[in-house]
Amino acid sequence: MAKTKLKINGMSCQHCVKTVKDALTALEGVQGAKVNLRKGEATVRFNERHVTHANLREAITQAGFETS
C-alpha cells in the first residue's frame, strides 16, 4: 500500500472537495482519499499494482482541477 500527497489547484468549496474525493476513490486500487480544501491537497492511499501517480493526476484533471 502506497501513500502520496497531491497538490490541487482550483478548489474553492466543499463541493470541489467532494468532487475530487469521488474522482479519486472511483479508481480501482484507491483505498482512501482525504482532501483538504485549506491546504489545497489530497492524501491518497492506493495499491501501486492497480493505480499509478499518473492515474491519480488524470482523475483530478478529469474532475476539472489542476494538480502538480
C-alpha atoms as a PDB file:
ATOM      1  CA  MET A   1       0.000   0.000   0.000  1.00  0.00           C
ATOM      2  CA  ALA A   2       1.397   3.370  -1.032  1.00  0.00           C
ATOM      3  CA  LYS A   3       0.521   6.841   0.191  1.00  0.00           C
ATOM      4  CA  THR A   4       1.020  10.139  -1.613  1.00  0.00           C
ATOM      5  CA  LYS A   5       0.091  13.809  -1.333  1.00  0.00           C
ATOM      6  CA  LEU A   6      -1.007  15.720  -4.399  1.00  0.00           C
ATOM      7  CA  LYS A   7      -1.320  19.498  -4.649  1.00  0.00           C
ATOM      8  CA  ILE A   8      -4.636  20.556  -6.199  1.00  0.00           C
ATOM      9  CA  ASN A   9      -5.349  23.974  -7.679  1.00  0.00           C
ATOM     10  CA  GLY A  10      -8.792  25.426  -8.272  1.00  0.00           C
ATOM     11  CA  MET A  11     -10.795  24.105  -5.315  1.00  0.00           C
ATOM     12  CA  SER A  12     -12.926  26.787  -3.675  1.00  0.00           C
ATOM     13  CA  CYS A  13     -15.634  24.990  -1.668  1.00  0.00           C
ATOM     14  CA  GLN A  14     -16.730  21.711  -0.088  1.00  0.00           C
ATOM     15  CA  HIS A  15     -18.431  20.704  -3.345  1.00  0.00           C
ATOM     16  CA  CYS A  16     -14.992  20.846  -5.002  1.00  0.00           C
ATOM     17  CA  VAL A  17     -13.576  18.684  -2.209  1.00  0.00           C
ATOM     18  CA  LYS A  18     -16.313  16.087  -2.720  1.00  0.00           C
ATOM     19  CA  THR A  19     -15.800  16.102  -6.491  1.00  0.00           C
ATOM     20  CA  VAL A  20     -12.067  15.440  -6.129  1.00  0.00           C
ATOM     21  CA  LYS A  21     -12.568  12.792  -3.445  1.00  0.00           C
ATOM     22  CA  ASP A  22     -15.197  10.990  -5.522  1.00  0.00           C
ATOM     23  CA  ALA A  23     -12.949  11.072  -8.614  1.00  0.00           C
ATOM     24  CA  LEU A  24     -10.034   9.573  -6.694  1.00  0.00           C
ATOM     25  CA  THR A  25     -11.957   6.910  -4.803  1.00  0.00           C
ATOM     26  CA  ALA A  26     -13.664   5.776  -8.016  1.00  0.00           C
ATOM     27  CA  LEU A  27     -10.307   4.471  -9.264  1.00  0.00           C
ATOM     28  CA  GLU A  28      -9.724   0.761  -8.786  1.00  0.00           C
ATOM     29  CA  GLY A  29      -6.934   0.336  -6.269  1.00  0.00           C
ATOM     30  CA  VAL A  30      -7.549   3.530  -4.291  1.00  0.00           C
ATOM     31  CA  GLN A  31      -8.146   2.561  -0.680  1.00  0.00           C
ATOM     32  CA  GLY A  32      -8.960   6.035   0.584  1.00  0.00           C
ATOM     33  CA  ALA A  33      -8.559   9.742  -0.050  1.00  0.00           C
ATOM     34  CA  LYS A  34      -8.615  12.771   2.223  1.00  0.00           C
ATOM     35  CA  VAL A  35      -8.947  16.142   0.523  1.00  0.00           C
ATOM     36  CA  ASN A  36      -8.023  19.318   2.406  1.00  0.00           C
ATOM     37  CA  LEU A  37      -9.521  22.499   0.965  1.00  0.00           C
ATOM     38  CA  ARG A  38      -7.442  24.867   3.107  1.00  0.00           C
ATOM     39  CA  LYS A  39      -4.135  23.232   2.154  1.00  0.00           C
ATOM     40  CA  GLY A  40      -5.227  22.547  -1.418  1.00  0.00           C
ATOM     41  CA  GLU A  41      -4.079  18.955  -1.331  1.00  0.00           C
ATOM     42  CA  ALA A  42      -5.209  15.356  -1.303  1.00  0.00           C
ATOM     43  CA  THR A  43      -3.661  12.477   0.610  1.00  0.00           C
ATOM     44  CA  VAL A  44      -4.333   9.207  -1.171  1.00  0.00           C
ATOM     45  CA  ARG A  45      -3.763   5.594  -0.075  1.00  0.00           C
ATOM     46  CA  PHE A  46      -3.569   3.236  -3.028  1.00  0.00           C
ATOM     47  CA  ASN A  47      -2.337  -0.110  -4.315  1.00  0.00           C
ATOM     48  CA  GLU A  48       0.516   0.519  -6.769  1.00  0.00           C
ATOM     49  CA  ARG A  49      -0.365  -2.663  -8.666  1.00  0.00           C
ATOM     50  CA  HIS A  50      -3.691  -1.183  -9.740  1.00  0.00           C
ATOM     51  CA  VAL A  51      -3.172   2.585  -9.949  1.00  0.00           C
ATOM     52  CA  THR A  52      -0.255   4.928 -10.662  1.00  0.00           C
ATOM     53  CA  HIS A  53       0.514   8.528  -9.760  1.00  0.00           C
ATOM     54  CA  ALA A  54      -0.348   9.402 -13.361  1.00  0.00           C
ATOM     55  CA  ASN A  55      -3.791   7.779 -12.925  1.00  0.00           C
ATOM     56  CA  LEU A  56      -4.394   9.874  -9.809  1.00  0.00           C
ATOM     57  CA  ARG A  57      -3.403  13.112 -11.557  1.00  0.00           C
ATOM     58  CA  GLU A  58      -5.562  12.193 -14.563  1.00  0.00           C
ATOM     59  CA  ALA A  59      -8.611  11.646 -12.328  1.00  0.00           C
ATOM     60  CA  ILE A  60      -8.129  15.069 -10.757  1.00  0.00           C
ATOM     61  CA  THR A  61      -7.740  16.696 -14.175  1.00  0.00           C
ATOM     62  CA  GLN A  62     -10.833  14.910 -15.489  1.00  0.00           C
ATOM     63  CA  ALA A  63     -12.755  16.264 -12.472  1.00  0.00           C
ATOM     64  CA  GLY A  64     -11.880  19.794 -13.622  1.00  0.00           C
ATOM     65  CA  PHE A  65      -8.934  20.691 -11.406  1.00  0.00           C
ATOM     66  CA  GLU A  66      -5.191  21.125 -11.847  1.00  0.00           C
ATOM     67  CA  THR A  67      -2.568  19.154  -9.955  1.00  0.00           C
ATOM     68  CA  SER A  68       1.168  19.408  -9.587  1.00  0.00           C
END
